[in-house]
Amino acid sequence: MKQKPCSKAKISIHDVAREAGVSVSTVSRVIRKYSNVTPETESVVNEAIKKLKYTPNAAASRLGSGSFDNIGVVFTRSADMAFHNPFFSEALMGIGHVLEAYDYSMQLMMYDDAEREKEKVMVALASGMIKGVISLSTRYYDMLVQELSNSQYPFVILGRVEGNSFKDNIYSVNTNNREDSFKIVDHLAKLGHKRIGILNESKEYLVNMDRYDGYRRALLSNGLIFDPSLEINAGYSLDDSKKSIIERIKRKNDITAIFAKDDLKAIAAIQGIKELGLKVPEDIAVVGYNDYEIAKISSPRLTTIKVPVYELGVESAKMLIRLINDEEIDNNECILETKLVIRESCGFKKNNEQK
């Protein structure tokens, strides 16, 4: 006997958008009677609503009206990649402390597919399930940020956007990744290193591109020629990073220092160097980025850029709440200070090292 479905599939706001030939956010603006919708578009959307007999979700409407307050925190990565990195847990702690103080809840949203990310986040906003968005990083071409910038929904990004076409419409909290990368690679060059490798990560994300740019500028500033063979693919895991370092040194042992764009990858590089019977920093110096707690207890202790990750989370949450409350914000781009922390791994004189 053919089984019957337990219930009929409910018409969603996505179905209405498809029928009307508009975006989900446009349907949401019509439903909420925003003024920035043309009469023609409003008529088309209302016809689609009538035709499909669409009824907005009551619970979602209550959420959107303020009975409950959820903030969507977008990782732009899969759960595996997100939770293996201390950056995200530290940023979440900062966000969580602020949201708790203002009686908001946090909804984690993790997607490694950009198209699906955009779709899911915009539906959550349009349905009222979340009142605003904090994105923990940005891609070079970020479809979600593009969509959010064309909507009325409040959002804040940890990072920056590429280009100036819609920059004035975006609120962000960030550090100066280009200058900080320049600073730490320049430090290696000033110590006399001529062959400085970089443990590189995906250029899909702007933070990685900015740190790569700082690395290259530091080489040029010190009269060093950039050699593509100095670029080592960090892969997706710490094991990938270690294997890449081992393979590169076995193939050609000409690197005297390595800049890793994350402390965990730097420590993986140190492990790989040690497995080859070499010493850090005597044979190869290693520096990292972010100054996680493990950087202070690694052997040798890691020279790195201290990034105020917790404060990035705090400031992004505060900024978003001000946007939700329609409060004035003096500067839509908040840049936090960082610090070069010099420890043993770079080979600098011990009596000048910092804790």
Protein backbone atom coordinates (compact mmCIF):
# COMPACT_ATOMS: atom_id res chain seq x y z
CA MET A 1 0.00 0.00 0.00
CA LYS A 2 1.30 3.42 -0.93
CA GLN A 3 2.10 5.50 2.11
CA LYS A 4 0.55 8.92 2.49
CA PRO A 5 2.58 11.83 3.79
CA CYS A 6 1.88 12.67 7.43
CA SER A 7 1.29 16.32 6.58
CA LYS A 8 1.17 18.53 3.57
CA ALA A 9 4.31 20.58 2.92
CA LYS A 10 3.76 24.12 4.14
CA ILE A 11 4.27 27.04 1.77
CA SER A 12 7.37 28.99 2.80
CA ILE A 13 8.55 32.53 2.21
CA HIS A 14 11.04 31.00 -0.23
CA ASP A 15 8.15 29.68 -2.34
CA VAL A 16 6.60 33.16 -2.40
CA ALA A 17 9.88 34.72 -3.50
CA ARG A 18 10.23 32.16 -6.30
CA GLU A 19 6.66 32.73 -7.48
CA ALA A 20 7.05 36.51 -7.46
CA GLY A 21 10.52 36.45 -9.00
CA VAL A 22 12.08 38.48 -6.19
CA SER A 23 14.45 37.84 -3.29
CA VAL A 24 13.39 36.51 0.10
CA SER A 25 14.35 39.81 1.72
CA THR A 26 12.03 41.68 -0.68
CA VAL A 27 9.11 39.45 0.32
CA SER A 28 9.95 40.13 3.96
CA ARG A 29 9.94 43.89 3.36
CA VAL A 30 6.51 43.69 1.73
CA ILE A 31 5.12 41.62 4.61
CA ARG A 32 6.56 44.07 7.17
CA LYS A 33 5.30 47.01 5.09
CA TYR A 34 8.67 48.72 4.68
CA SER A 35 8.59 51.94 2.69
CA ASN A 36 11.50 51.07 0.36
CA VAL A 37 9.40 48.78 -1.87
CA THR A 38 7.89 50.00 -5.14
CA PRO A 39 4.10 49.69 -5.58
CA GLU A 40 4.68 47.38 -8.55
CA THR A 41 6.87 45.00 -6.52
CA GLU A 42 4.44 45.10 -3.60
CA SER A 43 1.58 44.16 -5.90
CA VAL A 44 3.50 41.24 -7.44
CA VAL A 45 4.48 39.87 -4.03
CA ASN A 46 0.96 40.21 -2.60
CA GLU A 47 -0.45 38.39 -5.64
CA ALA A 48 2.00 35.54 -5.02
CA ILE A 49 1.06 35.43 -1.33
CA LYS A 50 -2.61 35.28 -2.25
CA LYS A 51 -2.11 32.65 -4.95
CA LEU A 52 -0.04 30.36 -2.71
CA LYS A 53 -2.18 31.07 0.38
CA TYR A 54 0.97 31.85 2.32
CA THR A 55 0.70 32.61 6.04
CA PRO A 56 3.79 33.89 7.89
CA ASN A 57 4.93 31.60 10.70
CA ALA A 58 3.34 32.85 13.91
CA ALA A 59 6.24 31.85 16.14
CA ALA A 60 8.67 33.54 13.82
CA SER A 61 6.52 36.66 13.84
CA ARG A 62 6.65 36.74 17.61
CA LEU A 63 10.41 36.38 17.47
CA GLY A 64 10.64 39.25 15.03
CA SER A 65 8.38 41.44 17.15
CA GLY A 66 10.66 41.15 20.15
CA SER A 67 9.08 38.44 22.34
CA PHE A 68 12.40 36.60 21.93
CA ASP A 69 15.65 38.02 20.63
CA ASN A 70 17.99 35.79 18.63
CA ILE A 71 21.21 36.87 16.95
CA GLY A 72 22.61 34.76 14.13
CA VAL A 73 26.38 34.17 14.32
CA VAL A 74 27.68 32.98 10.94
CA PHE A 75 30.93 30.99 10.77
CA THR A 76 31.35 30.82 6.94
CA ARG A 77 32.93 27.41 7.60
CA SER A 78 31.84 23.87 8.43
CA ALA A 79 31.46 22.86 12.08
CA ASP A 80 34.64 20.77 11.91
CA MET A 81 36.75 23.68 10.71
CA ALA A 82 35.11 26.21 13.03
CA PHE A 83 35.39 24.38 16.34
CA HIS A 84 38.98 23.23 15.84
CA ASN A 85 40.15 26.85 15.77
CA PRO A 86 40.48 28.75 19.10
CA PHE A 87 39.78 32.03 17.29
CA PHE A 88 36.11 31.23 16.93
CA SER A 89 35.58 29.97 20.48
CA GLU A 90 37.28 33.08 21.88
CA ALA A 91 35.23 35.42 19.66
CA LEU A 92 32.05 33.56 20.60
CA MET A 93 32.85 34.05 24.27
CA GLY A 94 33.02 37.81 23.76
CA ILE A 95 29.82 37.85 21.71
CA GLY A 96 28.04 35.62 24.22
CA HIS A 97 28.92 37.77 27.23
CA VAL A 98 27.46 40.88 25.57
CA LEU A 99 24.33 39.15 24.27
CA GLU A 100 23.67 37.65 27.68
CA ALA A 101 23.91 41.08 29.30
CA TYR A 102 21.31 42.44 26.88
CA ASP A 103 18.97 39.39 27.11
CA TYR A 104 19.72 38.15 23.60
CA SER A 105 20.23 34.55 22.55
CA MET A 106 22.77 33.26 20.05
CA GLN A 107 21.98 31.06 17.05
CA LEU A 108 25.06 29.46 15.48
CA MET A 109 24.98 29.15 11.69
CA MET A 110 27.77 27.12 10.04
CA TYR A 111 28.02 26.67 6.29
CA ASP A 112 31.02 25.93 4.07
CA ASP A 113 28.92 26.53 0.95
CA ALA A 114 28.49 30.25 0.21
CA GLU A 115 25.24 29.92 -1.74
CA ARG A 116 23.58 27.82 0.96
CA GLU A 117 24.88 30.20 3.62
CA LYS A 118 23.27 33.19 1.93
CA GLU A 119 19.98 31.38 1.44
CA LYS A 120 19.70 30.06 4.99
CA VAL A 121 20.70 33.31 6.69
CA MET A 122 18.35 35.47 4.61
CA VAL A 123 15.44 33.09 5.24
CA ALA A 124 16.15 33.17 8.99
CA LEU A 125 16.12 36.97 8.91
CA ALA A 126 13.04 37.23 6.72
CA SER A 127 11.06 34.81 8.88
CA GLY A 128 12.00 36.67 12.05
CA MET A 129 13.92 33.78 13.57
CA ILE A 130 16.93 36.08 14.06
CA LYS A 131 16.99 39.85 14.47
CA GLY A 132 20.50 40.49 13.21
CA VAL A 133 23.71 38.83 12.03
CA ILE A 134 27.36 38.76 13.08
CA SER A 135 29.60 37.18 10.43
CA LEU A 136 32.90 35.90 11.84
CA SER A 137 34.84 36.30 8.57
CA THR A 138 34.36 37.41 4.98
CA ARG A 139 35.14 35.90 1.60
CA TYR A 140 36.77 37.75 -1.29
CA TYR A 141 33.42 37.77 -3.07
CA ASP A 142 30.91 37.39 -0.27
CA MET A 143 27.39 36.71 -1.50
CA LEU A 144 25.91 36.96 1.99
CA VAL A 145 27.44 40.39 2.65
CA GLN A 146 26.26 41.59 -0.77
CA GLU A 147 22.71 40.44 0.00
CA LEU A 148 22.73 41.88 3.52
CA SER A 149 24.01 45.24 2.28
CA ASN A 150 21.01 45.47 -0.04
CA SER A 151 18.58 44.73 2.77
CA GLN A 152 17.33 46.56 5.84
CA TYR A 153 18.57 43.93 8.27
CA PRO A 154 21.21 44.89 10.87
CA PHE A 155 24.51 43.04 10.55
CA VAL A 156 28.16 43.35 11.57
CA ILE A 157 31.20 41.55 10.18
CA LEU A 158 34.47 40.57 11.82
CA GLY A 159 36.80 41.57 9.02
CA ARG A 160 36.40 43.82 6.02
CA VAL A 161 34.83 43.91 2.58
CA GLU A 162 36.59 44.16 -0.78
CA GLY A 163 35.93 47.30 -2.82
CA ASN A 164 34.14 50.54 -1.98
CA SER A 165 30.88 50.12 -3.90
CA PHE A 166 28.87 49.26 -0.79
CA LYS A 167 31.39 49.86 2.00
CA ASP A 168 29.46 52.77 3.57
CA ASN A 169 26.55 50.44 4.24
CA ILE A 170 28.63 47.92 6.20
CA TYR A 171 29.56 47.89 9.88
CA SER A 172 32.70 46.00 10.80
CA VAL A 173 35.15 45.23 13.60
CA ASN A 174 38.65 44.26 12.56
CA THR A 175 42.40 44.50 13.08
CA ASN A 176 44.94 45.67 10.51
CA ASN A 177 45.99 42.29 9.12
CA ARG A 178 48.15 43.76 6.36
CA GLU A 179 50.19 45.97 8.68
CA ASP A 180 50.53 43.30 11.37
CA SER A 181 51.78 40.70 8.88
CA PHE A 182 54.20 43.27 7.50
CA LYS A 183 55.42 43.96 11.04
CA ILE A 184 56.18 40.34 11.97
CA VAL A 185 57.81 39.43 8.64
CA ASP A 186 59.81 42.67 8.75
CA HIS A 187 61.00 41.57 12.21
CA LEU A 188 62.31 38.32 10.70
CA ALA A 189 64.03 40.21 7.88
CA LYS A 190 65.66 42.57 10.37
CA LEU A 191 67.04 39.50 12.18
CA GLY A 192 68.90 38.69 8.96
CA HIS A 193 66.61 36.11 7.36
CA LYS A 194 66.70 36.13 3.54
CA ARG A 195 64.59 33.04 2.75
CA ILE A 196 61.32 33.55 4.64
CA GLY A 197 58.62 31.03 3.79
CA ILE A 198 54.90 31.46 4.35
CA LEU A 199 52.54 28.71 5.46
CA ASN A 200 49.63 29.88 3.37
CA GLU A 201 45.91 29.22 3.71
CA SER A 202 42.86 29.54 1.46
CA LYS A 203 42.77 32.84 -0.43
CA GLU A 204 38.98 32.57 -0.47
CA TYR A 205 38.95 34.53 2.79
CA LEU A 206 40.01 38.17 2.90
CA VAL A 207 41.90 37.80 6.18
CA ASN A 208 44.26 35.32 4.53
CA MET A 209 44.71 37.54 1.49
CA ASP A 210 45.52 40.54 3.69
CA ARG A 211 48.12 38.62 5.70
CA TYR A 212 49.65 37.31 2.48
CA ASP A 213 49.82 40.86 1.13
CA GLY A 214 51.59 42.06 4.29
CA TYR A 215 54.09 39.23 3.96
CA ARG A 216 54.96 40.13 0.36
CA ARG A 217 55.25 43.85 1.11
CA ALA A 218 57.65 43.14 3.98
CA LEU A 219 59.89 41.11 1.69
CA LEU A 220 59.98 43.89 -0.91
CA SER A 221 60.56 46.55 1.75
CA ASN A 222 63.68 44.67 2.87
CA GLY A 223 65.02 44.17 -0.63
CA LEU A 224 64.08 40.48 -0.71
CA ILE A 225 62.70 38.97 -3.90
CA PHE A 226 59.46 37.05 -3.55
CA ASP A 227 59.99 33.46 -4.63
CA PRO A 228 56.83 31.38 -5.23
CA SER A 229 58.69 28.33 -3.92
CA LEU A 230 58.61 29.95 -0.48
CA GLU A 231 54.82 29.64 -0.41
CA ILE A 232 53.78 26.43 1.35
CA ASN A 233 50.19 25.18 1.25
CA ALA A 234 48.94 24.79 4.83
CA GLY A 235 46.03 22.56 3.80
CA TYR A 236 42.94 22.23 6.00
CA SER A 237 44.29 20.48 9.07
CA LEU A 238 47.28 20.70 11.39
CA ASP A 239 48.48 17.37 10.04
CA ASP A 240 48.32 18.82 6.50
CA SER A 241 50.47 21.75 7.63
CA LYS A 242 53.07 19.52 9.25
CA LYS A 243 53.28 17.25 6.22
CA SER A 244 53.63 20.23 3.88
CA ILE A 245 56.52 21.62 5.91
CA ILE A 246 58.29 18.24 5.99
CA GLU A 247 57.85 17.72 2.24
CA ARG A 248 59.09 21.24 1.42
CA ILE A 249 62.22 20.96 3.58
CA LYS A 250 63.02 17.48 2.24
CA ARG A 251 62.69 18.77 -1.31
CA LYS A 252 64.87 21.83 -0.71
CA ASN A 253 66.22 22.89 2.67
CA ASP A 254 66.79 26.59 1.91
CA ILE A 255 64.20 28.25 4.18
CA THR A 256 65.59 30.01 7.26
CA ALA A 257 62.28 31.27 8.69
CA ILE A 258 58.55 30.51 8.37
CA PHE A 259 55.58 32.85 8.82
CA ALA A 260 52.39 30.94 9.64
CA LYS A 261 49.14 32.89 9.45
CA ASP A 262 47.78 31.16 12.55
CA ASP A 263 49.46 29.96 15.78
CA LEU A 264 48.18 26.39 15.44
CA LYS A 265 49.71 26.09 11.98
CA ALA A 266 52.95 27.56 13.33
CA ILE A 267 53.11 24.92 16.05
CA ALA A 268 52.41 22.23 13.46
CA ALA A 269 55.35 23.62 11.47
CA ILE A 270 57.59 23.42 14.56
CA GLN A 271 56.62 19.76 15.01
CA GLY A 272 57.46 19.02 11.38
CA ILE A 273 60.84 20.74 11.65
CA LYS A 274 61.68 18.79 14.81
CA GLU A 275 60.70 15.49 13.20
CA LEU A 276 63.38 16.15 10.57
CA GLY A 277 65.98 16.49 13.32
CA LEU A 278 66.24 20.27 12.92
CA LYS A 279 66.00 22.88 15.65
CA VAL A 280 63.78 25.95 16.12
CA PRO A 281 64.98 28.68 15.94
CA GLU A 282 68.62 27.63 15.40
CA ASP A 283 67.97 26.02 12.00
CA ILE A 284 64.59 27.51 11.08
CA ALA A 285 62.78 30.31 12.91
CA VAL A 286 58.97 30.15 13.14
CA VAL A 287 56.41 32.88 13.88
CA GLY A 288 52.64 32.73 14.12
CA TYR A 289 49.57 34.91 14.43
CA ASN A 290 46.78 35.50 17.03
CA ASP A 291 48.63 34.63 20.28
CA TYR A 292 46.47 31.76 21.50
CA GLU A 293 47.22 30.44 24.98
CA ILE A 294 49.15 27.52 23.48
CA ALA A 295 51.65 30.00 21.98
CA LYS A 296 52.87 30.78 25.50
CA ILE A 297 53.61 27.15 26.39
CA SER A 298 54.82 25.72 23.09
CA SER A 299 58.45 24.65 22.86
CA PRO A 300 59.97 26.99 21.98
CA ARG A 301 57.48 29.66 22.95
CA LEU A 302 56.01 31.29 19.88
CA THR A 303 56.68 34.76 18.51
CA THR A 304 53.34 35.99 17.21
CA ILE A 305 50.89 38.86 16.73
CA LYS A 306 48.62 39.28 19.73
CA VAL A 307 45.09 39.76 18.41
CA PRO A 308 42.36 40.83 20.88
CA VAL A 309 40.00 38.07 19.73
CA TYR A 310 37.68 38.26 22.74
CA GLU A 311 37.38 42.04 22.30
CA LEU A 312 36.58 41.57 18.61
CA GLY A 313 33.58 39.51 19.70
CA VAL A 314 32.57 42.03 22.35
CA GLU A 315 32.75 45.04 20.03
CA SER A 316 30.90 43.29 17.19
CA ALA A 317 28.02 42.34 19.51
CA LYS A 318 27.82 45.85 20.99
CA MET A 319 27.78 47.38 17.52
CA LEU A 320 25.02 45.06 16.34
CA ILE A 321 22.82 45.83 19.35
CA ARG A 322 23.23 49.55 18.68
CA LEU A 323 22.14 48.94 15.08
CA ILE A 324 19.11 46.94 16.21
CA ASN A 325 18.16 49.75 18.60
CA ASP A 326 18.65 52.41 15.89
CA GLU A 327 21.37 54.10 17.95
CA GLU A 328 23.88 56.37 16.28
CA ILE A 329 27.30 54.87 15.52
CA ASP A 330 30.13 57.35 14.96
CA ASN A 331 32.32 55.08 12.84
CA ASN A 332 31.09 52.08 10.90
CA GLU A 333 34.61 50.57 10.89
CA CYS A 334 36.14 49.75 14.28
CA ILE A 335 39.84 48.79 14.17
CA LEU A 336 41.33 47.26 17.33
CA GLU A 337 44.99 47.47 18.32
CA THR A 338 47.33 44.46 18.15
CA LYS A 339 50.87 43.82 19.39
CA LEU A 340 53.97 42.01 18.16
CA VAL A 341 54.93 39.57 20.93
CA ILE A 342 58.54 38.41 20.68
CA ARG A 343 59.44 35.02 22.19
CA GLU A 344 62.08 32.33 21.58
CA SER A 345 60.82 30.83 18.31
CA CYS A 346 62.11 33.70 16.14
CA GLY A 347 65.67 33.55 17.50
CA PHE A 348 65.70 37.03 19.02
CA LYS A 349 68.01 37.55 22.02
CA LYS A 350 66.47 36.04 25.13
CA ASN A 351 67.02 39.05 27.35
CA ASN A 352 64.71 41.05 25.08
CA GLU A 353 61.88 38.54 24.91
CA GLN A 354 58.37 39.41 26.01
CA LYS A 355 55.95 37.27 27.97
